[in-house]
Amino acid sequence: MTQYLLSVHGPSEVWDTPLEEAQPKYEATGRFNDQLKTTDAWVFVGGLERPETATTVDATGNDVIVTDGPYAETKEYLGGFWVIEAPDLDAALKIASEASKACGGKVEVRPFAGE
């Protein structure tokens, strides 16, 4: 089985969505997660706080530089993710399509690199 990262990206404004408007997506995603937990595909899931809560650490030079905020300023940010196991890409894509329907966003599928 290969592990895949299913990531959900969106504009930073998505964190400003009123709770009553976002609640149906949260509930659908919760139901999807509950169903996924009953399968061999389930590994881990996580939702992230706003991009502004990020801290970037750069220790590539002689000094460690710590900067408030995300590494890159982009139009879309990582909002949440699933780590799943699937026998092949087709199976991962099927799970990703269900995840996309549940959360109401596009889902990127990427396999983890081999050891």
PDB file of N, CA and C in Angstrom:
ATOM      1  N   MET A   1       0.853  -1.180   0.000  1.00  0.00           N
ATOM      2  CA  MET A   1       0.000   0.000   0.000  1.00  0.00           C
ATOM      3  C   MET A   1       0.897   1.240   0.000  1.00  0.00           C
ATOM      4  N   THR A   2       0.487   2.214  -0.757  1.00  0.00           N
ATOM      5  CA  THR A   2       1.198   3.487  -0.837  1.00  0.00           C
ATOM      6  C   THR A   2       0.436   4.527  -0.020  1.00  0.00           C
ATOM      7  N   GLN A   3       1.177   5.387   0.649  1.00  0.00           N
ATOM      8  CA  GLN A   3       0.536   6.491   1.351  1.00  0.00           C
ATOM      9  C   GLN A   3       0.451   7.691   0.432  1.00  0.00           C
ATOM     10  N   TYR A   4      -0.680   8.396   0.519  1.00  0.00           N
ATOM     11  CA  TYR A   4      -0.939   9.582  -0.288  1.00  0.00           C
ATOM     12  C   TYR A   4      -1.340  10.733   0.626  1.00  0.00           C
ATOM     13  N   LEU A   5      -0.945  11.926   0.232  1.00  0.00           N
ATOM     14  CA  LEU A   5      -1.403  13.147   0.883  1.00  0.00           C
ATOM     15  C   LEU A   5      -2.533  13.713   0.039  1.00  0.00           C
ATOM     16  N   LEU A   6      -3.693  13.876   0.640  1.00  0.00           N
ATOM     17  CA  LEU A   6      -4.825  14.535  -0.017  1.00  0.00           C
ATOM     18  C   LEU A   6      -4.922  15.902   0.640  1.00  0.00           C
ATOM     19  N   SER A   7      -4.587  16.951  -0.093  1.00  0.00           N
ATOM     20  CA  SER A   7      -4.542  18.285   0.508  1.00  0.00           C
ATOM     21  C   SER A   7      -5.606  19.191  -0.088  1.00  0.00           C
ATOM     22  N   VAL A   8      -6.157  20.039   0.783  1.00  0.00           N
ATOM     23  CA  VAL A   8      -7.203  20.987   0.396  1.00  0.00           C
ATOM     24  C   VAL A   8      -6.607  22.388   0.460  1.00  0.00           C
ATOM     25  N   HIS A   9      -6.631  23.081  -0.656  1.00  0.00           N
ATOM     26  CA  HIS A   9      -6.093  24.438  -0.737  1.00  0.00           C
ATOM     27  C   HIS A   9      -7.238  25.402  -1.023  1.00  0.00           C
ATOM     28  N   GLY A  10      -7.104  26.624  -0.527  1.00  0.00           N
ATOM     29  CA  GLY A  10      -8.131  27.621  -0.798  1.00  0.00           C
ATOM     30  C   GLY A  10      -7.628  28.998  -0.434  1.00  0.00           C
ATOM     31  N   PRO A  11      -8.390  30.009  -0.791  1.00  0.00           N
ATOM     32  CA  PRO A  11      -7.998  31.382  -0.476  1.00  0.00           C
ATOM     33  C   PRO A  11      -8.093  31.625   1.035  1.00  0.00           C
ATOM     34  N   SER A  12      -7.304  32.571   1.529  1.00  0.00           N
ATOM     35  CA  SER A  12      -7.300  32.834   2.973  1.00  0.00           C
ATOM     36  C   SER A  12      -8.668  33.297   3.455  1.00  0.00           C
ATOM     37  N   GLU A  13      -9.488  33.835   2.576  1.00  0.00           N
ATOM     38  CA  GLU A  13     -10.821  34.308   2.968  1.00  0.00           C
ATOM     39  C   GLU A  13     -11.718  33.168   3.445  1.00  0.00           C
ATOM     40  N   VAL A  14     -11.369  31.930   3.109  1.00  0.00           N
ATOM     41  CA  VAL A  14     -12.203  30.803   3.521  1.00  0.00           C
ATOM     42  C   VAL A  14     -12.292  30.727   5.049  1.00  0.00           C
ATOM     43  N   TRP A  15     -11.253  31.189   5.757  1.00  0.00           N
ATOM     44  CA  TRP A  15     -11.272  31.189   7.217  1.00  0.00           C
ATOM     45  C   TRP A  15     -12.240  32.239   7.768  1.00  0.00           C
ATOM     46  N   ASP A  16     -12.696  33.168   6.905  1.00  0.00           N
ATOM     47  CA  ASP A  16     -13.632  34.207   7.330  1.00  0.00           C
ATOM     48  C   ASP A  16     -15.089  33.816   7.098  1.00  0.00           C
ATOM     49  N   THR A  17     -15.328  32.640   6.550  1.00  0.00           N
ATOM     50  CA  THR A  17     -16.682  32.190   6.274  1.00  0.00           C
ATOM     51  C   THR A  17     -17.445  32.062   7.592  1.00  0.00           C
ATOM     52  N   PRO A  18     -18.621  32.669   7.687  1.00  0.00           N
ATOM     53  CA  PRO A  18     -19.418  32.542   8.920  1.00  0.00           C
ATOM     54  C   PRO A  18     -19.699  31.077   9.239  1.00  0.00           C
ATOM     55  N   LEU A  19     -19.678  30.742  10.522  1.00  0.00           N
ATOM     56  CA  LEU A  19     -19.846  29.359  10.956  1.00  0.00           C
ATOM     57  C   LEU A  19     -21.130  28.742  10.413  1.00  0.00           C
ATOM     58  N   GLU A  20     -22.228  29.494  10.446  1.00  0.00           N
ATOM     59  CA  GLU A  20     -23.493  28.913   9.977  1.00  0.00           C
ATOM     60  C   GLU A  20     -23.447  28.577   8.489  1.00  0.00           C
ATOM     61  N   GLU A  21     -22.625  29.282   7.733  1.00  0.00           N
ATOM     62  CA  GLU A  21     -22.461  28.995   6.307  1.00  0.00           C
ATOM     63  C   GLU A  21     -21.516  27.808   6.087  1.00  0.00           C
ATOM     64  N   ALA A  22     -20.501  27.688   6.919  1.00  0.00           N
ATOM     65  CA  ALA A  22     -19.509  26.625   6.773  1.00  0.00           C
ATOM     66  C   ALA A  22     -19.944  25.315   7.428  1.00  0.00           C
ATOM     67  N   GLN A  23     -20.890  25.371   8.355  1.00  0.00           N
ATOM     68  CA  GLN A  23     -21.289  24.202   9.137  1.00  0.00           C
ATOM     69  C   GLN A  23     -21.667  22.989   8.290  1.00  0.00           C
ATOM     70  N   PRO A  24     -22.440  23.142   7.204  1.00  0.00           N
ATOM     71  CA  PRO A  24     -22.764  21.953   6.403  1.00  0.00           C
ATOM     72  C   PRO A  24     -21.522  21.246   5.844  1.00  0.00           C
ATOM     73  N   LYS A  25     -20.499  22.016   5.447  1.00  0.00           N
ATOM     74  CA  LYS A  25     -19.261  21.402   4.947  1.00  0.00           C
ATOM     75  C   LYS A  25     -18.517  20.696   6.070  1.00  0.00           C
ATOM     76  N   TYR A  26     -18.478  21.305   7.262  1.00  0.00           N
ATOM     77  CA  TYR A  26     -17.836  20.667   8.403  1.00  0.00           C
ATOM     78  C   TYR A  26     -18.522  19.344   8.732  1.00  0.00           C
ATOM     79  N   GLU A  27     -19.847  19.360   8.709  1.00  0.00           N
ATOM     80  CA  GLU A  27     -20.597  18.144   9.034  1.00  0.00           C
ATOM     81  C   GLU A  27     -20.380  17.065   7.981  1.00  0.00           C
ATOM     82  N   ALA A  28     -20.391  17.458   6.702  1.00  0.00           N
ATOM     83  CA  ALA A  28     -20.159  16.487   5.624  1.00  0.00           C
ATOM     84  C   ALA A  28     -18.747  15.924   5.701  1.00  0.00           C
ATOM     85  N   THR A  29     -17.783  16.770   6.019  1.00  0.00           N
ATOM     86  CA  THR A  29     -16.402  16.306   6.154  1.00  0.00           C
ATOM     87  C   THR A  29     -16.277  15.370   7.355  1.00  0.00           C
ATOM     88  N   GLY A  30     -16.946  15.683   8.439  1.00  0.00           N
ATOM     89  CA  GLY A  30     -16.947  14.805   9.603  1.00  0.00           C
ATOM     90  C   GLY A  30     -17.521  13.429   9.283  1.00  0.00           C
ATOM     91  N   ARG A  31     -18.631  13.413   8.538  1.00  0.00           N
ATOM     92  CA  ARG A  31     -19.224  12.127   8.132  1.00  0.00           C
ATOM     93  C   ARG A  31     -18.256  11.359   7.236  1.00  0.00           C
ATOM     94  N   PHE A  32     -17.610  12.072   6.289  1.00  0.00           N
ATOM     95  CA  PHE A  32     -16.627  11.423   5.414  1.00  0.00           C
ATOM     96  C   PHE A  32     -15.490  10.833   6.256  1.00  0.00           C
ATOM     97  N   ASN A  33     -14.968  11.626   7.213  1.00  0.00           N
ATOM     98  CA  ASN A  33     -13.881  11.138   8.067  1.00  0.00           C
ATOM     99  C   ASN A  33     -14.304   9.904   8.855  1.00  0.00           C
ATOM    100  N   ASP A  34     -15.513   9.929   9.411  1.00  0.00           N
ATOM    101  CA  ASP A  34     -16.010   8.783  10.174  1.00  0.00           C
ATOM    102  C   ASP A  34     -16.083   7.539   9.303  1.00  0.00           C
ATOM    103  N   GLN A  35     -16.538   7.700   8.075  1.00  0.00           N
ATOM    104  CA  GLN A  35     -16.627   6.563   7.156  1.00  0.00           C
ATOM    105  C   GLN A  35     -15.227   6.081   6.785  1.00  0.00           C
ATOM    106  N   LEU A  36     -14.314   7.010   6.516  1.00  0.00           N
ATOM    107  CA  LEU A  36     -12.954   6.649   6.124  1.00  0.00           C
ATOM    108  C   LEU A  36     -12.236   5.898   7.247  1.00  0.00           C
ATOM    109  N   LYS A  37     -12.529   6.250   8.490  1.00  0.00           N
ATOM    110  CA  LYS A  37     -11.903   5.591   9.643  1.00  0.00           C
ATOM    111  C   LYS A  37     -12.257   4.105   9.712  1.00  0.00           C
ATOM    112  N   THR A  38     -13.347   3.708   9.073  1.00  0.00           N
ATOM    113  CA  THR A  38     -13.754   2.304   9.101  1.00  0.00           C
ATOM    114  C   THR A  38     -13.041   1.485   8.032  1.00  0.00           C
ATOM    115  N   THR A  39     -12.171   2.111   7.233  1.00  0.00           N
ATOM    116  CA  THR A  39     -11.483   1.425   6.146  1.00  0.00           C
ATOM    117  C   THR A  39      -9.988   1.306   6.434  1.00  0.00           C
ATOM    118  N   ASP A  40      -9.316   0.500   5.623  1.00  0.00           N
ATOM    119  CA  ASP A  40      -7.859   0.369   5.732  1.00  0.00           C
ATOM    120  C   ASP A  40      -7.138   1.584   5.180  1.00  0.00           C
ATOM    121  N   ALA A  41      -7.851   2.482   4.531  1.00  0.00           N
ATOM    122  CA  ALA A  41      -7.223   3.666   3.933  1.00  0.00           C
ATOM    123  C   ALA A  41      -6.873   4.724   4.975  1.00  0.00           C
ATOM    124  N   TRP A  42      -7.586   4.750   6.104  1.00  0.00           N
ATOM    125  CA  TRP A  42      -7.411   5.792   7.112  1.00  0.00           C
ATOM    126  C   TRP A  42      -6.008   5.745   7.726  1.00  0.00           C
ATOM    127  N   VAL A  43      -5.318   6.906   7.736  1.00  0.00           N
ATOM    128  CA  VAL A  43      -4.061   7.052   8.465  1.00  0.00           C
ATOM    129  C   VAL A  43      -4.159   8.242   9.415  1.00  0.00           C
ATOM    130  N   PHE A  44      -4.474   9.437   8.863  1.00  0.00           N
ATOM    131  CA  PHE A  44      -4.449  10.653   9.671  1.00  0.00           C
ATOM    132  C   PHE A  44      -5.165  11.758   8.922  1.00  0.00           C
ATOM    133  N   VAL A  45      -5.759  12.694   9.652  1.00  0.00           N
ATOM    134  CA  VAL A  45      -6.404  13.860   9.059  1.00  0.00           C
ATOM    135  C   VAL A  45      -6.081  15.076   9.914  1.00  0.00           C
ATOM    136  N   GLY A  46      -6.024  16.244   9.290  1.00  0.00           N
ATOM    137  CA  GLY A  46      -5.781  17.463  10.049  1.00  0.00           C
ATOM    138  C   GLY A  46      -6.316  18.691   9.342  1.00  0.00           C
ATOM    139  N   GLY A  47      -6.892  19.577  10.107  1.00  0.00           N
ATOM    140  CA  GLY A  47      -7.299  20.882   9.617  1.00  0.00           C
ATOM    141  C   GLY A  47      -6.351  21.916  10.197  1.00  0.00           C
ATOM    142  N   LEU A  48      -6.052  22.945   9.446  1.00  0.00           N
ATOM    143  CA  LEU A  48      -5.066  23.931   9.867  1.00  0.00           C
ATOM    144  C   LEU A  48      -5.705  25.266  10.217  1.00  0.00           C
ATOM    145  N   GLU A  49      -5.065  25.993  11.105  1.00  0.00           N
ATOM    146  CA  GLU A  49      -5.483  27.340  11.455  1.00  0.00           C
ATOM    147  C   GLU A  49      -5.132  28.290  10.304  1.00  0.00           C
ATOM    148  N   ARG A  50      -5.511  29.537  10.450  1.00  0.00           N
ATOM    149  CA  ARG A  50      -5.277  30.562   9.423  1.00  0.00           C
ATOM    150  C   ARG A  50      -3.796  30.638   9.033  1.00  0.00           C
ATOM    151  N   PRO A  51      -3.487  31.023   7.792  1.00  0.00           N
ATOM    152  CA  PRO A  51      -2.091  31.151   7.372  1.00  0.00           C
ATOM    153  C   PRO A  51      -1.280  32.104   8.255  1.00  0.00           C
ATOM    154  N   GLU A  52      -1.928  33.119   8.797  1.00  0.00           N
ATOM    155  CA  GLU A  52      -1.224  34.102   9.625  1.00  0.00           C
ATOM    156  C   GLU A  52      -0.678  33.500  10.915  1.00  0.00           C
ATOM    157  N   THR A  53      -1.157  32.313  11.303  1.00  0.00           N
ATOM    158  CA  THR A  53      -0.675  31.681  12.531  1.00  0.00           C
ATOM    159  C   THR A  53       0.613  30.902  12.308  1.00  0.00           C
ATOM    160  N   ALA A  54       1.048  30.805  11.063  1.00  0.00           N
ATOM    161  CA  ALA A  54       2.255  30.045  10.740  1.00  0.00           C
ATOM    162  C   ALA A  54       3.507  30.775  11.214  1.00  0.00           C
ATOM    163  N   THR A  55       4.534  30.012  11.476  1.00  0.00           N
ATOM    164  CA  THR A  55       5.866  30.532  11.756  1.00  0.00           C
ATOM    165  C   THR A  55       6.831  29.775  10.856  1.00  0.00           C
ATOM    166  N   THR A  56       7.700  30.496  10.170  1.00  0.00           N
ATOM    167  CA  THR A  56       8.659  29.883   9.263  1.00  0.00           C
ATOM    168  C   THR A  56      10.040  29.910   9.900  1.00  0.00           C
ATOM    169  N   VAL A  57      10.703  28.768   9.883  1.00  0.00           N
ATOM    170  CA  VAL A  57      12.047  28.636  10.442  1.00  0.00           C
ATOM    171  C   VAL A  57      13.009  28.335   9.302  1.00  0.00           C
ATOM    172  N   ASP A  58      14.065  29.151   9.185  1.00  0.00           N
ATOM    173  CA  ASP A  58      15.090  28.962   8.148  1.00  0.00           C
ATOM    174  C   ASP A  58      16.446  28.774   8.818  1.00  0.00           C
ATOM    175  N   ALA A  59      16.927  27.550   8.818  1.00  0.00           N
ATOM    176  CA  ALA A  59      18.231  27.238   9.392  1.00  0.00           C
ATOM    177  C   ALA A  59      19.201  26.795   8.301  1.00  0.00           C
ATOM    178  N   THR A  60      19.016  27.319   7.094  1.00  0.00           N
ATOM    179  CA  THR A  60      19.866  26.917   5.978  1.00  0.00           C
ATOM    180  C   THR A  60      21.189  27.657   5.947  1.00  0.00           C
ATOM    181  N   GLY A  61      21.297  28.745   6.688  1.00  0.00           N
ATOM    182  CA  GLY A  61      22.544  29.510   6.748  1.00  0.00           C
ATOM    183  C   GLY A  61      23.215  29.349   8.094  1.00  0.00           C
ATOM    184  N   ASN A  62      24.064  30.307   8.446  1.00  0.00           N
ATOM    185  CA  ASN A  62      24.781  30.259   9.718  1.00  0.00           C
ATOM    186  C   ASN A  62      23.881  30.579  10.902  1.00  0.00           C
ATOM    187  N   ASP A  63      22.827  31.337  10.669  1.00  0.00           N
ATOM    188  CA  ASP A  63      21.897  31.724  11.729  1.00  0.00           C
ATOM    189  C   ASP A  63      20.534  31.091  11.493  1.00  0.00           C
ATOM    190  N   VAL A  64      19.805  30.901  12.576  1.00  0.00           N
ATOM    191  CA  VAL A  64      18.417  30.441  12.474  1.00  0.00           C
ATOM    192  C   VAL A  64      17.547  31.687  12.423  1.00  0.00           C
ATOM    193  N   ILE A  65      16.759  31.793  11.362  1.00  0.00           N
ATOM    194  CA  ILE A  65      15.879  32.950  11.183  1.00  0.00           C
ATOM    195  C   ILE A  65      14.439  32.477  11.347  1.00  0.00           C
ATOM    196  N   VAL A  66      13.733  33.089  12.280  1.00  0.00           N
ATOM    197  CA  VAL A  66      12.343  32.752  12.550  1.00  0.00           C
ATOM    198  C   VAL A  66      11.491  33.932  12.120  1.00  0.00           C
ATOM    199  N   THR A  67      10.508  33.660  11.251  1.00  0.00           N
ATOM    200  CA  THR A  67       9.668  34.709  10.687  1.00  0.00           C
ATOM    201  C   THR A  67       8.205  34.378  10.935  1.00  0.00           C
ATOM    202  N   ASP A  68       7.437  35.373  11.365  1.00  0.00           N
ATOM    203  CA  ASP A  68       5.998  35.183  11.507  1.00  0.00           C
ATOM    204  C   ASP A  68       5.368  35.078  10.132  1.00  0.00           C
ATOM    205  N   GLY A  69       4.402  34.186  10.008  1.00  0.00           N
ATOM    206  CA  GLY A  69       3.652  34.064   8.768  1.00  0.00           C
ATOM    207  C   GLY A  69       4.098  32.886   7.925  1.00  0.00           C
ATOM    208  N   PRO A  70       3.336  32.611   6.879  1.00  0.00           N
ATOM    209  CA  PRO A  70       3.634  31.461   6.019  1.00  0.00           C
ATOM    210  C   PRO A  70       4.905  31.683   5.216  1.00  0.00           C
ATOM    211  N   TYR A  71       5.468  30.583   4.739  1.00  0.00           N
ATOM    212  CA  TYR A  71       6.685  30.618   3.936  1.00  0.00           C
ATOM    213  C   TYR A  71       6.485  31.420   2.658  1.00  0.00           C
ATOM    214  N   ALA A  72       5.363  31.194   1.997  1.00  0.00           N
ATOM    215  CA  ALA A  72       5.110  31.854   0.712  1.00  0.00           C
ATOM    216  C   ALA A  72       3.824  32.673   0.785  1.00  0.00           C
ATOM    217  N   GLU A  73       3.839  33.805   0.138  1.00  0.00           N
ATOM    218  CA  GLU A  73       2.617  34.601  -0.008  1.00  0.00           C
ATOM    219  C   GLU A  73       1.993  34.175  -1.326  1.00  0.00           C
ATOM    220  N   THR A  74       0.846  33.546  -1.249  1.00  0.00           N
ATOM    221  CA  THR A  74       0.187  33.017  -2.435  1.00  0.00           C
ATOM    222  C   THR A  74      -1.284  33.391  -2.408  1.00  0.00           C
ATOM    223  N   LYS A  75      -1.980  33.026  -3.465  1.00  0.00           N
ATOM    224  CA  LYS A  75      -3.424  33.268  -3.520  1.00  0.00           C
ATOM    225  C   LYS A  75      -4.193  32.193  -2.770  1.00  0.00           C
ATOM    226  N   GLU A  76      -3.593  31.004  -2.632  1.00  0.00           N
ATOM    227  CA  GLU A  76      -4.249  29.902  -1.946  1.00  0.00           C
ATOM    228  C   GLU A  76      -3.293  29.292  -0.931  1.00  0.00           C
ATOM    229  N   TYR A  77      -3.873  28.798   0.159  1.00  0.00           N
ATOM    230  CA  TYR A  77      -3.095  28.207   1.235  1.00  0.00           C
ATOM    231  C   TYR A  77      -3.625  26.824   1.567  1.00  0.00           C
ATOM    232  N   LEU A  78      -2.774  26.007   2.165  1.00  0.00           N
ATOM    233  CA  LEU A  78      -3.181  24.697   2.634  1.00  0.00           C
ATOM    234  C   LEU A  78      -4.105  24.869   3.834  1.00  0.00           C
ATOM    235  N   GLY A  79      -5.297  24.301   3.731  1.00  0.00           N
ATOM    236  CA  GLY A  79      -6.279  24.444   4.801  1.00  0.00           C
ATOM    237  C   GLY A  79      -6.459  23.189   5.621  1.00  0.00           C
ATOM    238  N   GLY A  80      -6.192  22.047   5.017  1.00  0.00           N
ATOM    239  CA  GLY A  80      -6.349  20.784   5.712  1.00  0.00           C
ATOM    240  C   GLY A  80      -5.870  19.656   4.829  1.00  0.00           C
ATOM    241  N   PHE A  81      -5.841  18.453   5.397  1.00  0.00           N
ATOM    242  CA  PHE A  81      -5.294  17.334   4.634  1.00  0.00           C
ATOM    243  C   PHE A  81      -5.737  16.009   5.230  1.00  0.00           C
ATOM    244  N   TRP A  82      -5.609  14.992   4.429  1.00  0.00           N
ATOM    245  CA  TRP A  82      -5.739  13.601   4.855  1.00  0.00           C
ATOM    246  C   TRP A  82      -4.456  12.891   4.452  1.00  0.00           C
ATOM    247  N   VAL A  83      -4.015  11.957   5.244  1.00  0.00           N
ATOM    248  CA  VAL A  83      -2.993  11.001   4.840  1.00  0.00           C
ATOM    249  C   VAL A  83      -3.715   9.666   4.780  1.00  0.00           C
ATOM    250  N   ILE A  84      -3.670   9.047   3.607  1.00  0.00           N
ATOM    251  CA  ILE A  84      -4.378   7.776   3.412  1.00  0.00           C
ATOM    252  C   ILE A  84      -3.413   6.728   2.878  1.00  0.00           C
ATOM    253  N   GLU A  85      -3.833   5.490   2.936  1.00  0.00           N
ATOM    254  CA  GLU A  85      -3.135   4.401   2.270  1.00  0.00           C
ATOM    255  C   GLU A  85      -4.065   3.833   1.217  1.00  0.00           C
ATOM    256  N   ALA A  86      -3.511   3.587   0.037  1.00  0.00           N
ATOM    257  CA  ALA A  86      -4.316   3.036  -1.053  1.00  0.00           C
ATOM    258  C   ALA A  86      -3.430   2.109  -1.887  1.00  0.00           C
ATOM    259  N   PRO A  87      -4.042   1.112  -2.501  1.00  0.00           N
ATOM    260  CA  PRO A  87      -3.255   0.168  -3.292  1.00  0.00           C
ATOM    261  C   PRO A  87      -2.673   0.776  -4.567  1.00  0.00           C
ATOM    262  N   ASP A  88      -3.322   1.845  -5.064  1.00  0.00           N
ATOM    263  CA  ASP A  88      -2.830   2.482  -6.287  1.00  0.00           C
ATOM    264  C   ASP A  88      -3.452   3.875  -6.427  1.00  0.00           C
ATOM    265  N   LEU A  89      -2.997   4.607  -7.442  1.00  0.00           N
ATOM    266  CA  LEU A  89      -3.469   5.978  -7.648  1.00  0.00           C
ATOM    267  C   LEU A  89      -4.967   6.022  -7.916  1.00  0.00           C
ATOM    268  N   ASP A  90      -5.489   5.073  -8.676  1.00  0.00           N
ATOM    269  CA  ASP A  90      -6.924   5.086  -8.961  1.00  0.00           C
ATOM    270  C   ASP A  90      -7.757   5.019  -7.679  1.00  0.00           C
ATOM    271  N   ALA A  91      -7.341   4.185  -6.742  1.00  0.00           N
ATOM    272  CA  ALA A  91      -8.064   4.074  -5.469  1.00  0.00           C
ATOM    273  C   ALA A  91      -7.934   5.376  -4.678  1.00  0.00           C
ATOM    274  N   ALA A  92      -6.750   5.988  -4.699  1.00  0.00           N
ATOM    275  CA  ALA A  92      -6.545   7.265  -4.002  1.00  0.00           C
ATOM    276  C   ALA A  92      -7.412   8.357  -4.624  1.00  0.00           C
ATOM    277  N   LEU A  93      -7.526   8.364  -5.943  1.00  0.00           N
ATOM    278  CA  LEU A  93      -8.342   9.371  -6.630  1.00  0.00           C
ATOM    279  C   LEU A  93      -9.823   9.209  -6.296  1.00  0.00           C
ATOM    280  N   LYS A  94     -10.257   7.969  -6.140  1.00  0.00           N
ATOM    281  CA  LYS A  94     -11.660   7.732  -5.760  1.00  0.00           C
ATOM    282  C   LYS A  94     -11.925   8.306  -4.367  1.00  0.00           C
ATOM    283  N   ILE A  95     -11.021   8.060  -3.436  1.00  0.00           N
ATOM    284  CA  ILE A  95     -11.177   8.602  -2.087  1.00  0.00           C
ATOM    285  C   ILE A  95     -11.123  10.124  -2.130  1.00  0.00           C
ATOM    286  N   ALA A  96     -10.215  10.679  -2.947  1.00  0.00           N
ATOM    287  CA  ALA A  96     -10.088  12.137  -3.066  1.00  0.00           C
ATOM    288  C   ALA A  96     -11.364  12.759  -3.616  1.00  0.00           C
ATOM    289  N   SER A  97     -12.037  12.077  -4.550  1.00  0.00           N
ATOM    290  CA  SER A  97     -13.281  12.631  -5.101  1.00  0.00           C
ATOM    291  C   SER A  97     -14.351  12.698  -4.019  1.00  0.00           C
ATOM    292  N   GLU A  98     -14.387  11.690  -3.146  1.00  0.00           N
ATOM    293  CA  GLU A  98     -15.340  11.711  -2.039  1.00  0.00           C
ATOM    294  C   GLU A  98     -14.971  12.814  -1.039  1.00  0.00           C
ATOM    295  N   ALA A  99     -13.676  12.999  -0.802  1.00  0.00           N
ATOM    296  CA  ALA A  99     -13.212  14.058   0.103  1.00  0.00           C
ATOM    297  C   ALA A  99     -13.578  15.436  -0.451  1.00  0.00           C
ATOM    298  N   SER A 100     -13.398  15.616  -1.744  1.00  0.00           N
ATOM    299  CA  SER A 100     -13.707  16.893  -2.390  1.00  0.00           C
ATOM    300  C   SER A 100     -15.196  17.225  -2.268  1.00  0.00           C
ATOM    301  N   LYS A 101     -16.039  16.229  -2.496  1.00  0.00           N
ATOM    302  CA  LYS A 101     -17.476  16.451  -2.340  1.00  0.00           C
ATOM    303  C   LYS A 101     -17.811  16.837  -0.907  1.00  0.00           C
ATOM    304  N   ALA A 102     -17.191  16.162   0.049  1.00  0.00           N
ATOM    305  CA  ALA A 102     -17.497  16.403   1.459  1.00  0.00           C
ATOM    306  C   ALA A 102     -17.075  17.798   1.903  1.00  0.00           C
ATOM    307  N   CYS A 103     -15.860  18.199   1.555  1.00  0.00           N
ATOM    308  CA  CYS A 103     -15.356  19.480   2.070  1.00  0.00           C
ATOM    309  C   CYS A 103     -15.694  20.658   1.165  1.00  0.00           C
ATOM    310  N   GLY A 104     -16.156  20.378  -0.053  1.00  0.00           N
ATOM    311  CA  GLY A 104     -16.532  21.457  -0.966  1.00  0.00           C
ATOM    312  C   GLY A 104     -15.345  22.197  -1.545  1.00  0.00           C
ATOM    313  N   GLY A 105     -14.206  21.525  -1.642  1.00  0.00           N
ATOM    314  CA  GLY A 105     -13.018  22.156  -2.207  1.00  0.00           C
ATOM    315  C   GLY A 105     -12.247  21.190  -3.093  1.00  0.00           C
ATOM    316  N   LYS A 106     -11.307  21.745  -3.841  1.00  0.00           N
ATOM    317  CA  LYS A 106     -10.438  20.907  -4.664  1.00  0.00           C
ATOM    318  C   LYS A 106      -9.461  20.169  -3.761  1.00  0.00           C
ATOM    319  N   VAL A 107      -9.148  18.935  -4.139  1.00  0.00           N
ATOM    320  CA  VAL A 107      -8.240  18.107  -3.355  1.00  0.00           C
ATOM    321  C   VAL A 107      -7.084  17.668  -4.257  1.00  0.00           C
ATOM    322  N   GLU A 108      -5.872  17.994  -3.839  1.00  0.00           N
ATOM    323  CA  GLU A 108      -4.659  17.564  -4.561  1.00  0.00           C
ATOM    324  C   GLU A 108      -4.221  16.219  -3.997  1.00  0.00           C
ATOM    325  N   VAL A 109      -3.834  15.297  -4.880  1.00  0.00           N
ATOM    326  CA  VAL A 109      -3.400  13.948  -4.475  1.00  0.00           C
ATOM    327  C   VAL A 109      -1.928  13.806  -4.824  1.00  0.00           C
ATOM    328  N   ARG A 110      -1.116  13.472  -3.807  1.00  0.00           N
ATOM    329  CA  ARG A 110       0.318  13.274  -4.058  1.00  0.00           C
ATOM    330  C   ARG A 110       0.799  12.068  -3.267  1.00  0.00           C
ATOM    331  N   PRO A 111       1.508  11.166  -3.944  1.00  0.00           N
ATOM    332  CA  PRO A 111       2.070  10.022  -3.208  1.00  0.00           C
ATOM    333  C   PRO A 111       3.283  10.484  -2.401  1.00  0.00           C
ATOM    334  N   PHE A 112       3.496   9.811  -1.267  1.00  0.00           N
ATOM    335  CA  PHE A 112       4.713  10.050  -0.507  1.00  0.00           C
ATOM    336  C   PHE A 112       5.867   9.374  -1.234  1.00  0.00           C
ATOM    337  N   ALA A 113       7.032   9.974  -1.148  1.00  0.00           N
ATOM    338  CA  ALA A 113       8.221   9.403  -1.768  1.00  0.00           C
ATOM    339  C   ALA A 113       8.603   8.117  -1.041  1.00  0.00           C
ATOM    340  N   GLY A 114       9.120   7.171  -1.772  1.00  0.00           N
ATOM    341  CA  GLY A 114       9.569   5.905  -1.170  1.00  0.00           C
ATOM    342  C   GLY A 114      10.766   6.132  -0.271  1.00  0.00           C
ATOM    343  N   GLU A 115      10.998   5.182   0.587  1.00  0.00           N
ATOM    344  CA  GLU A 115      12.120   5.307   1.534  1.00  0.00           C
ATOM    345  C   GLU A 115      13.424   4.995   0.873  1.00  0.00           C
TER     346      GLU A 115
END
